[in-house]
């Protein structure tokens, strides 16, 4: 069975949610073995991918770039 494809999106905010996610330490390593992280601001991935299974969105829409990004999420995400 294919691993779920995970995307994390960082809009306007303090980045605290992403930092808390990274603070999961050993559990984060276990999670990395269960999912394919296909989009995150932590990596330098420029294009939101298609066929994302789970998307975690942090922050608010604060500018035109955020608006563009948030519109991509439901188009490319299954659930």
N, C-alpha and C. Protein backbone atom coordinates (compact mmCIF):
# COMPACT_ATOMS: atom_id res chain seq x y z
N UNK A 1 0.84 -1.19 0.00
CA UNK A 1 0.00 0.00 0.00
C UNK A 1 0.88 1.24 0.00
N UNK A 2 0.51 2.24 -0.81
CA UNK A 2 1.25 3.49 -0.86
C UNK A 2 1.07 4.27 0.43
N UNK A 3 2.13 4.98 0.80
CA UNK A 3 2.04 5.83 1.98
C UNK A 3 1.26 7.10 1.66
N UNK A 4 0.49 7.62 2.62
CA UNK A 4 -0.23 8.87 2.40
C UNK A 4 0.74 10.01 2.08
N UNK A 5 0.30 10.91 1.20
CA UNK A 5 1.10 12.07 0.81
C UNK A 5 0.66 13.25 1.67
N UNK A 6 1.59 13.83 2.42
CA UNK A 6 1.31 14.89 3.38
C UNK A 6 1.90 16.21 2.90
N UNK A 7 1.10 17.27 2.99
CA UNK A 7 1.57 18.62 2.69
C UNK A 7 1.31 19.50 3.91
N UNK A 8 2.26 20.37 4.22
CA UNK A 8 2.04 21.38 5.25
C UNK A 8 2.19 22.74 4.60
N UNK A 9 1.25 23.63 4.88
CA UNK A 9 1.21 24.95 4.26
C UNK A 9 1.31 26.00 5.36
N UNK A 10 2.17 26.98 5.15
CA UNK A 10 2.40 28.05 6.12
C UNK A 10 1.96 29.36 5.49
N UNK A 11 0.86 29.92 5.99
CA UNK A 11 0.36 31.20 5.51
C UNK A 11 0.82 32.28 6.48
N UNK A 12 0.01 33.32 6.68
CA UNK A 12 0.39 34.39 7.60
C UNK A 12 0.29 33.93 9.03
N UNK A 13 1.35 34.09 9.78
CA UNK A 13 1.35 33.67 11.17
C UNK A 13 2.75 33.67 11.74
N UNK A 14 2.89 33.10 12.89
CA UNK A 14 4.16 33.16 13.61
C UNK A 14 5.05 31.94 13.38
N UNK A 15 4.60 30.97 12.65
CA UNK A 15 5.29 29.69 12.39
C UNK A 15 5.34 28.79 13.61
N UNK A 16 4.62 29.12 14.65
CA UNK A 16 4.63 28.32 15.87
C UNK A 16 4.13 26.90 15.67
N UNK A 17 3.13 26.71 14.82
CA UNK A 17 2.60 25.37 14.57
C UNK A 17 3.65 24.48 13.90
N UNK A 18 4.36 25.04 12.92
CA UNK A 18 5.40 24.25 12.26
C UNK A 18 6.55 23.96 13.23
N UNK A 19 6.88 24.91 14.08
CA UNK A 19 7.94 24.67 15.06
C UNK A 19 7.51 23.60 16.06
N UNK A 20 6.26 23.62 16.49
CA UNK A 20 5.75 22.58 17.39
C UNK A 20 5.78 21.22 16.71
N UNK A 21 5.46 21.19 15.43
CA UNK A 21 5.52 19.95 14.65
C UNK A 21 6.94 19.40 14.66
N UNK A 22 7.92 20.26 14.47
CA UNK A 22 9.32 19.82 14.48
C UNK A 22 9.76 19.37 15.87
N UNK A 23 9.13 19.90 16.92
CA UNK A 23 9.48 19.53 18.29
C UNK A 23 8.98 18.15 18.69
N UNK A 24 8.35 17.44 17.77
CA UNK A 24 7.86 16.10 18.08
C UNK A 24 8.99 15.08 18.22
N UNK A 25 10.20 15.49 17.87
CA UNK A 25 11.42 14.70 18.04
C UNK A 25 11.29 13.28 17.48
N UNK A 26 11.41 12.26 18.34
CA UNK A 26 11.43 10.87 17.88
C UNK A 26 10.14 10.47 17.18
N UNK A 27 9.02 11.01 17.63
CA UNK A 27 7.74 10.69 17.01
C UNK A 27 7.72 11.18 15.56
N UNK A 28 8.37 12.30 15.30
CA UNK A 28 8.44 12.83 13.94
C UNK A 28 9.20 11.88 13.02
N UNK A 29 10.22 11.23 13.54
CA UNK A 29 10.97 10.23 12.76
C UNK A 29 10.07 9.05 12.45
N UNK A 30 9.27 8.61 13.41
CA UNK A 30 8.31 7.53 13.16
C UNK A 30 7.29 7.94 12.09
N UNK A 31 6.80 9.18 12.19
CA UNK A 31 5.84 9.68 11.21
C UNK A 31 6.44 9.72 9.81
N UNK A 32 7.71 10.10 9.72
CA UNK A 32 8.38 10.16 8.42
C UNK A 32 8.41 8.80 7.74
N UNK A 33 8.38 7.74 8.51
CA UNK A 33 8.35 6.40 7.93
C UNK A 33 6.96 5.97 7.48
N UNK A 34 5.94 6.74 7.87
CA UNK A 34 4.56 6.38 7.55
C UNK A 34 3.95 7.21 6.42
N UNK A 35 4.49 8.39 6.17
CA UNK A 35 3.94 9.29 5.14
C UNK A 35 5.06 9.79 4.23
N UNK A 36 4.66 10.27 3.07
CA UNK A 36 5.58 10.98 2.18
C UNK A 36 5.27 12.46 2.30
N UNK A 37 6.21 13.23 2.82
CA UNK A 37 6.02 14.68 2.91
C UNK A 37 6.35 15.25 1.54
N UNK A 38 5.32 15.78 0.87
CA UNK A 38 5.48 16.21 -0.52
C UNK A 38 5.50 17.74 -0.67
N UNK A 39 5.17 18.46 0.40
CA UNK A 39 5.19 19.92 0.35
C UNK A 39 5.28 20.45 1.76
N UNK A 40 6.20 21.37 2.01
CA UNK A 40 6.37 21.99 3.31
C UNK A 40 7.24 23.22 3.15
N UNK A 41 7.02 24.26 3.96
CA UNK A 41 7.88 25.43 3.88
C UNK A 41 9.29 25.15 4.41
N UNK A 42 9.44 24.06 5.11
CA UNK A 42 10.74 23.70 5.65
C UNK A 42 11.68 23.26 4.54
N UNK A 43 11.12 22.68 3.48
CA UNK A 43 11.89 22.31 2.29
C UNK A 43 11.67 23.38 1.22
N UNK A 44 12.52 23.42 0.26
CA UNK A 44 12.43 24.45 -0.78
C UNK A 44 11.65 23.93 -1.98
N UNK A 45 10.40 23.56 -1.74
CA UNK A 45 9.52 23.05 -2.81
C UNK A 45 8.65 24.22 -3.26
N UNK A 46 8.70 24.56 -4.52
CA UNK A 46 8.03 25.77 -5.02
C UNK A 46 6.58 25.56 -5.45
N UNK A 47 6.22 24.36 -5.88
CA UNK A 47 4.91 24.12 -6.46
C UNK A 47 4.11 23.15 -5.59
N UNK A 48 2.87 23.53 -5.27
CA UNK A 48 2.01 22.62 -4.52
C UNK A 48 1.68 21.43 -5.41
N UNK A 49 1.92 20.21 -4.93
CA UNK A 49 1.74 19.03 -5.78
C UNK A 49 0.27 18.63 -5.93
N UNK A 50 0.04 17.76 -6.88
CA UNK A 50 -1.28 17.16 -7.06
C UNK A 50 -1.35 15.88 -6.24
N UNK A 51 -2.53 15.43 -5.97
CA UNK A 51 -2.78 14.16 -5.29
C UNK A 51 -2.18 14.10 -3.88
N UNK A 52 -2.38 15.16 -3.12
CA UNK A 52 -2.02 15.18 -1.71
C UNK A 52 -3.16 14.52 -0.95
N UNK A 53 -2.83 13.66 0.00
CA UNK A 53 -3.86 12.98 0.78
C UNK A 53 -4.29 13.80 2.00
N UNK A 54 -3.34 14.40 2.68
CA UNK A 54 -3.63 15.16 3.90
C UNK A 54 -2.86 16.48 3.84
N UNK A 55 -3.57 17.59 4.11
CA UNK A 55 -2.92 18.90 4.14
C UNK A 55 -3.13 19.53 5.51
N UNK A 56 -2.06 20.02 6.10
CA UNK A 56 -2.11 20.77 7.35
C UNK A 56 -1.83 22.23 7.01
N UNK A 57 -2.77 23.11 7.33
CA UNK A 57 -2.64 24.53 6.98
C UNK A 57 -2.50 25.34 8.26
N UNK A 58 -1.47 26.17 8.31
CA UNK A 58 -1.22 27.04 9.47
C UNK A 58 -1.34 28.49 9.04
N UNK A 59 -1.96 29.31 9.87
CA UNK A 59 -1.98 30.75 9.64
C UNK A 59 -3.22 31.23 8.91
N UNK A 60 -3.21 32.51 8.62
CA UNK A 60 -4.34 33.18 7.98
C UNK A 60 -3.93 33.70 6.61
N UNK A 61 -4.92 33.92 5.78
CA UNK A 61 -4.67 34.52 4.47
C UNK A 61 -4.45 36.02 4.70
N UNK A 62 -3.22 36.48 4.47
CA UNK A 62 -2.87 37.87 4.76
C UNK A 62 -2.46 38.67 3.53
N UNK A 63 -2.30 38.00 2.38
CA UNK A 63 -1.91 38.72 1.17
C UNK A 63 -2.31 37.90 -0.06
N UNK A 64 -2.03 38.42 -1.23
CA UNK A 64 -2.41 37.75 -2.48
C UNK A 64 -1.72 36.40 -2.66
N UNK A 65 -0.47 36.31 -2.24
CA UNK A 65 0.26 35.03 -2.36
C UNK A 65 -0.40 33.95 -1.51
N UNK A 66 -0.80 34.32 -0.29
CA UNK A 66 -1.50 33.36 0.58
C UNK A 66 -2.82 32.93 -0.05
N UNK A 67 -3.53 33.89 -0.64
CA UNK A 67 -4.80 33.58 -1.29
C UNK A 67 -4.60 32.60 -2.43
N UNK A 68 -3.57 32.82 -3.22
CA UNK A 68 -3.25 31.89 -4.31
C UNK A 68 -2.93 30.50 -3.75
N UNK A 69 -2.12 30.45 -2.71
CA UNK A 69 -1.71 29.17 -2.13
C UNK A 69 -2.90 28.42 -1.56
N UNK A 70 -3.74 29.10 -0.79
CA UNK A 70 -4.86 28.40 -0.14
C UNK A 70 -5.86 27.88 -1.17
N UNK A 71 -5.95 28.52 -2.31
CA UNK A 71 -6.84 28.02 -3.36
C UNK A 71 -6.30 26.74 -4.00
N UNK A 72 -5.00 26.55 -3.96
CA UNK A 72 -4.39 25.33 -4.51
C UNK A 72 -4.65 24.12 -3.62
N UNK A 73 -4.78 24.34 -2.33
CA UNK A 73 -4.87 23.22 -1.38
C UNK A 73 -6.07 22.31 -1.67
N UNK A 74 -7.30 22.81 -1.75
CA UNK A 74 -8.41 21.87 -2.01
C UNK A 74 -8.38 21.27 -3.42
N UNK A 75 -7.76 21.99 -4.36
CA UNK A 75 -7.67 21.45 -5.73
C UNK A 75 -6.76 20.24 -5.79
N UNK A 76 -5.68 20.25 -4.98
CA UNK A 76 -4.71 19.17 -5.05
C UNK A 76 -4.80 18.16 -3.93
N UNK A 77 -5.73 18.37 -2.98
CA UNK A 77 -5.81 17.51 -1.81
C UNK A 77 -7.08 16.68 -1.84
N UNK A 78 -6.93 15.41 -1.51
CA UNK A 78 -8.07 14.48 -1.55
C UNK A 78 -8.99 14.63 -0.35
N UNK A 79 -8.44 14.87 0.85
CA UNK A 79 -9.29 15.00 2.04
C UNK A 79 -8.80 16.10 2.91
